[in-house]
PDB file of all heavy atoms in Angstrom:
ATOM      1  N   VAL A   1      91.379 109.309 119.994  1.00  0.00           N
ATOM      2  CA  VAL A   1      90.028 108.962 120.592  1.00  0.00           C
ATOM      3  C   VAL A   1      89.810 109.781 121.874  1.00  0.00           C
ATOM      4  O   VAL A   1      90.630 109.804 122.764  1.00  0.00           O
ATOM      5  CB  VAL A   1      90.062 107.472 121.001  1.00  0.00           C
ATOM      6  CG1 VAL A   1      88.648 107.052 121.445  1.00  0.00           C
ATOM      7  CG2 VAL A   1      90.467 106.564 119.694  1.00  0.00           C
ATOM      8  N   VAL A   2      88.676 110.311 121.975  1.00  0.00           N
ATOM      9  CA  VAL A   2      88.231 111.005 123.163  1.00  0.00           C
ATOM     10  C   VAL A   2      87.122 110.170 123.788  1.00  0.00           C
ATOM     11  O   VAL A   2      86.113 109.886 123.181  1.00  0.00           O
ATOM     12  CB  VAL A   2      87.717 112.520 122.962  1.00  0.00           C
ATOM     13  CG1 VAL A   2      86.977 112.952 124.177  1.00  0.00           C
ATOM     14  CG2 VAL A   2      88.875 113.316 122.557  1.00  0.00           C
ATOM     15  N   ARG A   3      87.369 109.698 125.030  1.00  0.00           N
ATOM     16  CA  ARG A   3      86.262 109.031 125.744  1.00  0.00           C
ATOM     17  C   ARG A   3      85.618 110.059 126.615  1.00  0.00           C
ATOM     18  O   ARG A   3      86.105 110.516 127.630  1.00  0.00           O
ATOM     19  CB  ARG A   3      86.989 107.960 126.673  1.00  0.00           C
ATOM     20  CG  ARG A   3      85.953 107.245 127.604  1.00  0.00           C
ATOM     21  CD  ARG A   3      84.975 106.375 126.857  1.00  0.00           C
ATOM     22  NE  ARG A   3      84.216 105.497 127.890  1.00  0.00           N
ATOM     23  CZ  ARG A   3      82.946 105.742 128.148  1.00  0.00           C
ATOM     24  NH1 ARG A   3      82.243 106.738 127.541  1.00  0.00           N
ATOM     25  NH2 ARG A   3      82.351 104.923 129.044  1.00  0.00           N
ATOM     26  N   LEU A   4      84.479 110.530 126.134  1.00  0.00           N
ATOM     27  CA  LEU A   4      83.729 111.665 126.835  1.00  0.00           C
ATOM     28  C   LEU A   4      82.805 111.045 127.805  1.00  0.00           C
ATOM     29  O   LEU A   4      81.801 110.283 127.556  1.00  0.00           O
ATOM     30  CB  LEU A   4      82.907 112.445 125.809  1.00  0.00           C
ATOM     31  CG  LEU A   4      82.165 113.645 126.359  1.00  0.00           C
ATOM     32  CD1 LEU A   4      83.135 114.619 126.947  1.00  0.00           C
ATOM     33  CD2 LEU A   4      81.305 114.268 125.242  1.00  0.00           C
ATOM     34  N   LYS A   5      83.065 111.391 129.138  1.00  0.00           N
ATOM     35  CA  LYS A   5      82.345 110.758 130.270  1.00  0.00           C
ATOM     36  C   LYS A   5      81.622 111.866 131.059  1.00  0.00           C
ATOM     37  O   LYS A   5      82.031 112.995 131.130  1.00  0.00           O
ATOM     38  CB  LYS A   5      83.257 109.991 131.203  1.00  0.00           C
ATOM     39  CG  LYS A   5      84.154 108.906 130.375  1.00  0.00           C
ATOM     40  CD  LYS A   5      85.263 108.387 131.302  1.00  0.00           C
ATOM     41  CE  LYS A   5      84.668 107.374 132.226  1.00  0.00           C
ATOM     42  NZ  LYS A   5      84.267 106.196 131.602  1.00  0.00           N
ATOM     43  N   GLY A   6      80.527 111.509 131.683  1.00  0.00           N
ATOM     44  CA  GLY A   6      79.923 112.421 132.645  1.00  0.00           C
ATOM     45  C   GLY A   6      80.749 112.547 133.942  1.00  0.00           C
ATOM     46  O   GLY A   6      81.433 111.635 134.325  1.00  0.00           O
ATOM     47  N   GLY A   7      80.686 113.769 134.546  1.00  0.00           N
ATOM     48  CA  GLY A   7      81.371 113.941 135.743  1.00  0.00           C
ATOM     49  C   GLY A   7      82.857 113.948 135.600  1.00  0.00           C
ATOM     50  O   GLY A   7      83.423 114.461 134.653  1.00  0.00           O
ATOM     51  N   ASP A   8      83.561 113.247 136.507  1.00  0.00           N
ATOM     52  CA  ASP A   8      85.004 112.945 136.476  1.00  0.00           C
ATOM     53  C   ASP A   8      85.253 111.551 136.080  1.00  0.00           C
ATOM     54  O   ASP A   8      84.580 110.592 136.582  1.00  0.00           O
ATOM     55  CB  ASP A   8      85.650 113.393 137.828  1.00  0.00           C
ATOM     56  CG  ASP A   8      87.116 113.214 137.826  1.00  0.00           C
ATOM     57  OD1 ASP A   8      87.608 112.044 137.992  1.00  0.00           O
ATOM     58  OD2 ASP A   8      87.824 114.269 137.661  1.00  0.00           O
ATOM     59  N   PRO A   9      86.282 111.312 135.258  1.00  0.00           N
ATOM     60  CA  PRO A   9      86.488 109.876 134.791  1.00  0.00           C
ATOM     61  C   PRO A   9      86.840 108.961 135.910  1.00  0.00           C
ATOM     62  O   PRO A   9      86.631 107.800 135.867  1.00  0.00           O
ATOM     63  CB  PRO A   9      87.744 110.082 133.915  1.00  0.00           C
ATOM     64  CG  PRO A   9      87.730 111.483 133.452  1.00  0.00           C
ATOM     65  CD  PRO A   9      87.224 112.311 134.559  1.00  0.00           C
ATOM     66  N   PHE A  10      87.381 109.522 137.052  1.00  0.00           N
ATOM     67  CA  PHE A  10      87.898 108.602 138.140  1.00  0.00           C
ATOM     68  C   PHE A  10      86.989 108.691 139.378  1.00  0.00           C
ATOM     69  O   PHE A  10      87.401 108.188 140.415  1.00  0.00           O
ATOM     70  CB  PHE A  10      89.285 109.043 138.514  1.00  0.00           C
ATOM     71  CG  PHE A  10      90.389 108.536 137.477  1.00  0.00           C
ATOM     72  CD1 PHE A  10      91.705 108.878 137.740  1.00  0.00           C
ATOM     73  CD2 PHE A  10      90.002 107.829 136.455  1.00  0.00           C
ATOM     74  CE1 PHE A  10      92.634 108.422 136.765  1.00  0.00           C
ATOM     75  CE2 PHE A  10      91.024 107.433 135.458  1.00  0.00           C
ATOM     76  CZ  PHE A  10      92.335 107.693 135.725  1.00  0.00           C
ATOM     77  N   VAL A  11      85.793 109.280 139.226  1.00  0.00           N
ATOM     78  CA  VAL A  11      84.875 109.258 140.410  1.00  0.00           C
ATOM     79  C   VAL A  11      83.608 108.477 139.895  1.00  0.00           C
ATOM     80  O   VAL A  11      82.763 108.905 139.232  1.00  0.00           O
ATOM     81  CB  VAL A  11      84.421 110.714 140.689  1.00  0.00           C
ATOM     82  CG1 VAL A  11      83.420 110.626 141.897  1.00  0.00           C
ATOM     83  CG2 VAL A  11      85.615 111.554 141.129  1.00  0.00           C
ATOM     84  N   PHE A  12      83.710 107.185 140.221  1.00  0.00           N
ATOM     85  CA  PHE A  12      82.562 106.225 139.889  1.00  0.00           C
ATOM     86  C   PHE A  12      82.426 106.208 138.368  1.00  0.00           C
ATOM     87  O   PHE A  12      81.226 105.934 137.871  1.00  0.00           O
ATOM     88  CB  PHE A  12      81.351 106.560 140.640  1.00  0.00           C
ATOM     89  CG  PHE A  12      81.511 106.527 142.131  1.00  0.00           C
ATOM     90  CD1 PHE A  12      80.917 107.600 142.826  1.00  0.00           C
ATOM     91  CD2 PHE A  12      82.210 105.561 142.764  1.00  0.00           C
ATOM     92  CE1 PHE A  12      81.055 107.583 144.216  1.00  0.00           C
ATOM     93  CE2 PHE A  12      82.308 105.634 144.188  1.00  0.00           C
ATOM     94  CZ  PHE A  12      81.757 106.639 144.912  1.00  0.00           C
ATOM     95  N   GLY A  13      83.398 106.540 137.558  1.00  0.00           N
ATOM     96  CA  GLY A  13      83.302 106.581 136.174  1.00  0.00           C
ATOM     97  C   GLY A  13      83.972 105.462 135.406  1.00  0.00           C
ATOM     98  O   GLY A  13      83.958 105.413 134.189  1.00  0.00           O
ATOM     99  N   ARG A  14      84.624 104.634 136.115  1.00  0.00           N
ATOM    100  CA  ARG A  14      85.361 103.414 135.578  1.00  0.00           C
ATOM    101  C   ARG A  14      86.433 103.817 134.719  1.00  0.00           C
ATOM    102  O   ARG A  14      86.928 103.041 133.814  1.00  0.00           O
ATOM    103  CB  ARG A  14      84.393 102.440 134.919  1.00  0.00           C
ATOM    104  CG  ARG A  14      83.218 101.984 135.867  1.00  0.00           C
ATOM    105  CD  ARG A  14      82.355 100.879 135.262  1.00  0.00           C
ATOM    106  NE  ARG A  14      83.094  99.579 135.317  1.00  0.00           N
ATOM    107  CZ  ARG A  14      82.447  98.441 135.077  1.00  0.00           C
ATOM    108  NH1 ARG A  14      81.104  98.417 134.803  1.00  0.00           N
ATOM    109  NH2 ARG A  14      83.098  97.319 134.997  1.00  0.00           N
ATOM    110  N   GLY A  15      86.877 105.064 134.888  1.00  0.00           N
ATOM    111  CA  GLY A  15      88.004 105.644 134.057  1.00  0.00           C
ATOM    112  C   GLY A  15      89.308 104.816 134.337  1.00  0.00           C
ATOM    113  O   GLY A  15      90.112 104.661 133.454  1.00  0.00           O
ATOM    114  N   GLY A  16      89.511 104.433 135.574  1.00  0.00           N
ATOM    115  CA  GLY A  16      90.657 103.628 135.945  1.00  0.00           C
ATOM    116  C   GLY A  16      90.767 102.285 135.091  1.00  0.00           C
ATOM    117  O   GLY A  16      91.852 101.892 134.678  1.00  0.00           O
ATOM    118  N   GLU A  17      89.614 101.692 134.986  1.00  0.00           N
ATOM    119  CA  GLU A  17      89.655 100.415 134.220  1.00  0.00           C
ATOM    120  C   GLU A  17      89.986 100.661 132.780  1.00  0.00           C
ATOM    121  O   GLU A  17      90.736  99.885 132.159  1.00  0.00           O
ATOM    122  CB  GLU A  17      88.240  99.756 134.267  1.00  0.00           C
ATOM    123  CG  GLU A  17      87.836  99.416 135.647  1.00  0.00           C
ATOM    124  CD  GLU A  17      86.376  98.868 135.706  1.00  0.00           C
ATOM    125  OE1 GLU A  17      86.017  98.089 134.792  1.00  0.00           O
ATOM    126  OE2 GLU A  17      85.673  99.289 136.630  1.00  0.00           O
ATOM    127  N   GLU A  18      89.501 101.768 132.176  1.00  0.00           N
ATOM    128  CA  GLU A  18      89.780 102.067 130.859  1.00  0.00           C
ATOM    129  C   GLU A  18      91.274 102.381 130.597  1.00  0.00           C
ATOM    130  O   GLU A  18      91.892 102.062 129.683  1.00  0.00           O
ATOM    131  CB  GLU A  18      88.891 103.229 130.356  1.00  0.00           C
ATOM    132  CG  GLU A  18      87.416 102.752 130.320  1.00  0.00           C
ATOM    133  CD  GLU A  18      86.443 103.882 130.145  1.00  0.00           C
ATOM    134  OE1 GLU A  18      86.849 105.018 130.050  1.00  0.00           O
ATOM    135  OE2 GLU A  18      85.255 103.636 130.151  1.00  0.00           O
ATOM    136  N   ALA A  19      91.815 103.254 131.573  1.00  0.00           N
ATOM    137  CA  ALA A  19      93.229 103.598 131.583  1.00  0.00           C
ATOM    138  C   ALA A  19      94.111 102.378 131.635  1.00  0.00           C
ATOM    139  O   ALA A  19      95.126 102.347 130.875  1.00  0.00           O
ATOM    140  CB  ALA A  19      93.479 104.673 132.643  1.00  0.00           C
ATOM    141  N   LEU A  20      93.817 101.477 132.511  1.00  0.00           N
ATOM    142  CA  LEU A  20      94.547 100.244 132.694  1.00  0.00           C
ATOM    143  C   LEU A  20      94.509  99.373 131.370  1.00  0.00           C
ATOM    144  O   LEU A  20      95.537  98.883 130.962  1.00  0.00           O
ATOM    145  CB  LEU A  20      94.059  99.392 133.870  1.00  0.00           C
ATOM    146  CG  LEU A  20      94.435  99.902 135.220  1.00  0.00           C
ATOM    147  CD1 LEU A  20      93.609  99.104 136.319  1.00  0.00           C
ATOM    148  CD2 LEU A  20      95.896  99.612 135.478  1.00  0.00           C
ATOM    149  N   HIS A  21      93.364  99.267 130.771  1.00  0.00           N
ATOM    150  CA  HIS A  21      93.198  98.462 129.540  1.00  0.00           C
ATOM    151  C   HIS A  21      94.088  99.135 128.503  1.00  0.00           C
ATOM    152  O   HIS A  21      94.782  98.346 127.702  1.00  0.00           O
ATOM    153  CB  HIS A  21      91.788  98.430 129.130  1.00  0.00           C
ATOM    154  CG  HIS A  21      91.499  97.456 128.023  1.00  0.00           C
ATOM    155  ND1 HIS A  21      91.424  96.110 128.183  1.00  0.00           N
ATOM    156  CD2 HIS A  21      91.275  97.693 126.671  1.00  0.00           C
ATOM    157  CE1 HIS A  21      91.240  95.556 127.051  1.00  0.00           C
ATOM    158  NE2 HIS A  21      91.140  96.464 126.183  1.00  0.00           N
ATOM    159  N   CYS A  22      94.076 100.404 128.334  1.00  0.00           N
ATOM    160  CA  CYS A  22      94.807 101.022 127.310  1.00  0.00           C
ATOM    161  C   CYS A  22      96.348 100.832 127.521  1.00  0.00           C
ATOM    162  O   CYS A  22      97.094 100.521 126.687  1.00  0.00           O
ATOM    163  CB  CYS A  22      94.442 102.538 127.243  1.00  0.00           C
ATOM    164  SG  CYS A  22      92.834 102.892 126.494  1.00  0.00           S
ATOM    165  N   ALA A  23      96.721 101.063 128.867  1.00  0.00           N
ATOM    166  CA  ALA A  23      98.119 100.873 129.156  1.00  0.00           C
ATOM    167  C   ALA A  23      98.570  99.482 128.890  1.00  0.00           C
ATOM    168  O   ALA A  23      99.767  99.351 128.403  1.00  0.00           O
ATOM    169  CB  ALA A  23      98.325 101.250 130.690  1.00  0.00           C
ATOM    170  N   ARG A  24      97.915  98.513 129.181  1.00  0.00           N
ATOM    171  CA  ARG A  24      98.251  97.116 128.944  1.00  0.00           C
ATOM    172  C   ARG A  24      98.392  96.779 127.434  1.00  0.00           C
ATOM    173  O   ARG A  24      99.044  95.799 127.099  1.00  0.00           O
ATOM    174  CB  ARG A  24      97.248  96.176 129.504  1.00  0.00           C
ATOM    175  CG  ARG A  24      97.300  96.135 131.081  1.00  0.00           C
ATOM    176  CD  ARG A  24      96.113  95.463 131.677  1.00  0.00           C
ATOM    177  NE  ARG A  24      96.179  95.495 133.115  1.00  0.00           N
ATOM    178  CZ  ARG A  24      95.147  95.368 134.029  1.00  0.00           C
ATOM    179  NH1 ARG A  24      93.816  95.264 133.505  1.00  0.00           N
ATOM    180  NH2 ARG A  24      95.254  95.320 135.317  1.00  0.00           N
ATOM    181  N   HIS A  25      97.757  97.579 126.645  1.00  0.00           N
ATOM    182  CA  HIS A  25      97.810  97.431 125.176  1.00  0.00           C
ATOM    183  C   HIS A  25      98.730  98.477 124.501  1.00  0.00           C
ATOM    184  O   HIS A  25      98.775  98.626 123.284  1.00  0.00           O
ATOM    185  CB  HIS A  25      96.482  97.366 124.582  1.00  0.00           C
ATOM    186  CG  HIS A  25      95.660  96.154 124.836  1.00  0.00           C
ATOM    187  ND1 HIS A  25      95.009  96.018 126.124  1.00  0.00           N
ATOM    188  CD2 HIS A  25      95.402  95.060 124.112  1.00  0.00           C
ATOM    189  CE1 HIS A  25      94.371  94.860 126.059  1.00  0.00           C
ATOM    190  NE2 HIS A  25      94.600  94.260 124.911  1.00  0.00           N
ATOM    191  N   GLY A  26      99.626  99.160 125.217  1.00  0.00           N
ATOM    192  CA  GLY A  26     100.497 100.066 124.704  1.00  0.00           C
ATOM    193  C   GLY A  26      99.904 101.326 124.165  1.00  0.00           C
ATOM    194  O   GLY A  26     100.556 101.979 123.275  1.00  0.00           O
ATOM    195  N   VAL A  27      98.634 101.778 124.562  1.00  0.00           N
ATOM    196  CA  VAL A  27      97.969 102.905 124.065  1.00  0.00           C
ATOM    197  C   VAL A  27      98.137 104.060 124.986  1.00  0.00           C
ATOM    198  O   VAL A  27      97.814 103.897 126.148  1.00  0.00           O
ATOM    199  CB  VAL A  27      96.524 102.677 123.749  1.00  0.00           C
ATOM    200  CG1 VAL A  27      95.788 103.965 123.383  1.00  0.00           C
ATOM    201  CG2 VAL A  27      96.334 101.618 122.698  1.00  0.00           C
ATOM    202  N   PRO A  28      98.811 105.211 124.578  1.00  0.00           N
ATOM    203  CA  PRO A  28      99.019 106.312 125.544  1.00  0.00           C
ATOM    204  C   PRO A  28      97.640 106.874 125.907  1.00  0.00           C
ATOM    205  O   PRO A  28      96.691 107.005 125.079  1.00  0.00           O
ATOM    206  CB  PRO A  28      99.826 107.311 124.708  1.00  0.00           C
ATOM    207  CG  PRO A  28      99.599 106.928 123.368  1.00  0.00           C
ATOM    208  CD  PRO A  28      99.311 105.444 123.259  1.00  0.00           C
ATOM    209  N   VAL A  29      97.579 107.277 127.269  1.00  0.00           N
ATOM    210  CA  VAL A  29      96.276 107.795 127.768  1.00  0.00           C
ATOM    211  C   VAL A  29      96.549 109.211 128.414  1.00  0.00           C
ATOM    212  O   VAL A  29      97.451 109.347 129.183  1.00  0.00           O
ATOM    213  CB  VAL A  29      95.717 106.860 128.859  1.00  0.00           C
ATOM    214  CG1 VAL A  29      94.468 107.484 129.501  1.00  0.00           C
ATOM    215  CG2 VAL A  29      95.446 105.473 128.306  1.00  0.00           C
ATOM    216  N   THR A  30      95.625 110.119 128.094  1.00  0.00           N
ATOM    217  CA  THR A  30      95.638 111.440 128.742  1.00  0.00           C
ATOM    218  C   THR A  30      94.377 111.480 129.521  1.00  0.00           C
ATOM    219  O   THR A  30      93.286 111.128 129.036  1.00  0.00           O
ATOM    220  CB  THR A  30      95.601 112.561 127.666  1.00  0.00           C
ATOM    221  OG1 THR A  30      96.783 112.487 126.856  1.00  0.00           O
ATOM    222  CG2 THR A  30      95.573 113.925 128.357  1.00  0.00           C
ATOM    223  N   VAL A  31      94.492 111.888 130.789  1.00  0.00           N
ATOM    224  CA  VAL A  31      93.305 112.041 131.637  1.00  0.00           C
ATOM    225  C   VAL A  31      93.008 113.572 131.860  1.00  0.00           C
ATOM    226  O   VAL A  31      93.860 114.251 132.400  1.00  0.00           O
ATOM    227  CB  VAL A  31      93.535 111.332 133.020  1.00  0.00           C
ATOM    228  CG1 VAL A  31      92.278 111.521 133.892  1.00  0.00           C
ATOM    229  CG2 VAL A  31      93.840 109.787 132.838  1.00  0.00           C
ATOM    230  N   VAL A  32      91.768 113.915 131.546  1.00  0.00           N
ATOM    231  CA  VAL A  32      91.283 115.321 131.833  1.00  0.00           C
ATOM    232  C   VAL A  32      90.289 115.330 132.922  1.00  0.00           C
ATOM    233  O   VAL A  32      89.133 114.863 132.692  1.00  0.00           O
ATOM    234  CB  VAL A  32      90.740 115.999 130.552  1.00  0.00           C
ATOM    235  CG1 VAL A  32      90.339 117.307 130.774  1.00  0.00           C
ATOM    236  CG2 VAL A  32      91.821 115.935 129.382  1.00  0.00           C
ATOM    237  N   PRO A  33      90.613 115.723 134.058  1.00  0.00           N
ATOM    238  CA  PRO A  33      89.578 115.749 135.157  1.00  0.00           C
ATOM    239  C   PRO A  33      88.382 116.544 134.784  1.00  0.00           C
ATOM    240  O   PRO A  33      88.320 117.499 133.966  1.00  0.00           O
ATOM    241  CB  PRO A  33      90.311 116.409 136.318  1.00  0.00           C
ATOM    242  CG  PRO A  33      91.830 116.296 136.026  1.00  0.00           C
ATOM    243  CD  PRO A  33      91.874 116.335 134.529  1.00  0.00           C
ATOM    244  N   GLY A  34      87.267 116.115 135.379  1.00  0.00           N
ATOM    245  CA  GLY A  34      85.983 116.844 135.190  1.00  0.00           C
ATOM    246  C   GLY A  34      85.424 117.261 136.469  1.00  0.00           C
ATOM    247  O   GLY A  34      85.736 116.755 137.518  1.00  0.00           O
ATOM    248  N   ILE A  35      84.382 118.153 136.422  1.00  0.00           N
ATOM    249  CA  ILE A  35      83.676 118.550 137.609  1.00  0.00           C
ATOM    250  C   ILE A  35      82.674 117.421 138.042  1.00  0.00           C
ATOM    251  O   ILE A  35      81.830 117.073 137.286  1.00  0.00           O
ATOM    252  CB  ILE A  35      82.856 119.825 137.274  1.00  0.00           C
ATOM    253  CG1 ILE A  35      83.830 120.888 136.976  1.00  0.00           C
ATOM    254  CG2 ILE A  35      82.101 120.260 138.550  1.00  0.00           C
ATOM    255  CD1 ILE A  35      83.099 122.248 136.487  1.00  0.00           C
ATOM    256  N   THR A  36      82.921 116.864 139.175  1.00  0.00           N
ATOM    257  CA  THR A  36      82.104 115.730 139.599  1.00  0.00           C
ATOM    258  C   THR A  36      80.642 116.197 139.966  1.00  0.00           C
ATOM    259  O   THR A  36      80.558 117.173 140.696  1.00  0.00           O
ATOM    260  CB  THR A  36      82.739 114.887 140.771  1.00  0.00           C
ATOM    261  OG1 THR A  36      81.823 113.959 141.144  1.00  0.00           O
ATOM    262  CG2 THR A  36      83.092 115.857 141.888  1.00  0.00           C
ATOM    263  N   SER A  37      79.741 115.411 139.633  1.00  0.00           N
ATOM    264  CA  SER A  37      78.332 115.742 139.988  1.00  0.00           C
ATOM    265  C   SER A  37      78.151 115.679 141.493  1.00  0.00           C
ATOM    266  O   SER A  37      77.176 116.277 142.061  1.00  0.00           O
ATOM    267  CB  SER A  37      77.343 114.847 139.274  1.00  0.00           C
ATOM    268  OG  SER A  37      77.640 113.507 139.638  1.00  0.00           O
ATOM    269  N   ALA A  38      79.013 114.944 142.211  1.00  0.00           N
ATOM    270  CA  ALA A  38      78.854 114.787 143.618  1.00  0.00           C
ATOM    271  C   ALA A  38      78.853 116.142 144.361  1.00  0.00           C
ATOM    272  O   ALA A  38      78.245 116.311 145.375  1.00  0.00           O
ATOM    273  CB  ALA A  38      79.909 113.757 144.165  1.00  0.00           C
TER     274      ALA A  38
END
């Protein structure tokens, strides 16, 4: 699964919440930084 987000996942993108949810359910997560619109 690719969660395609605008900007960077961890800059006001709620990527941290998604990573935590996956981790709590034993799902491996890869984070690919993005160019932030800021």
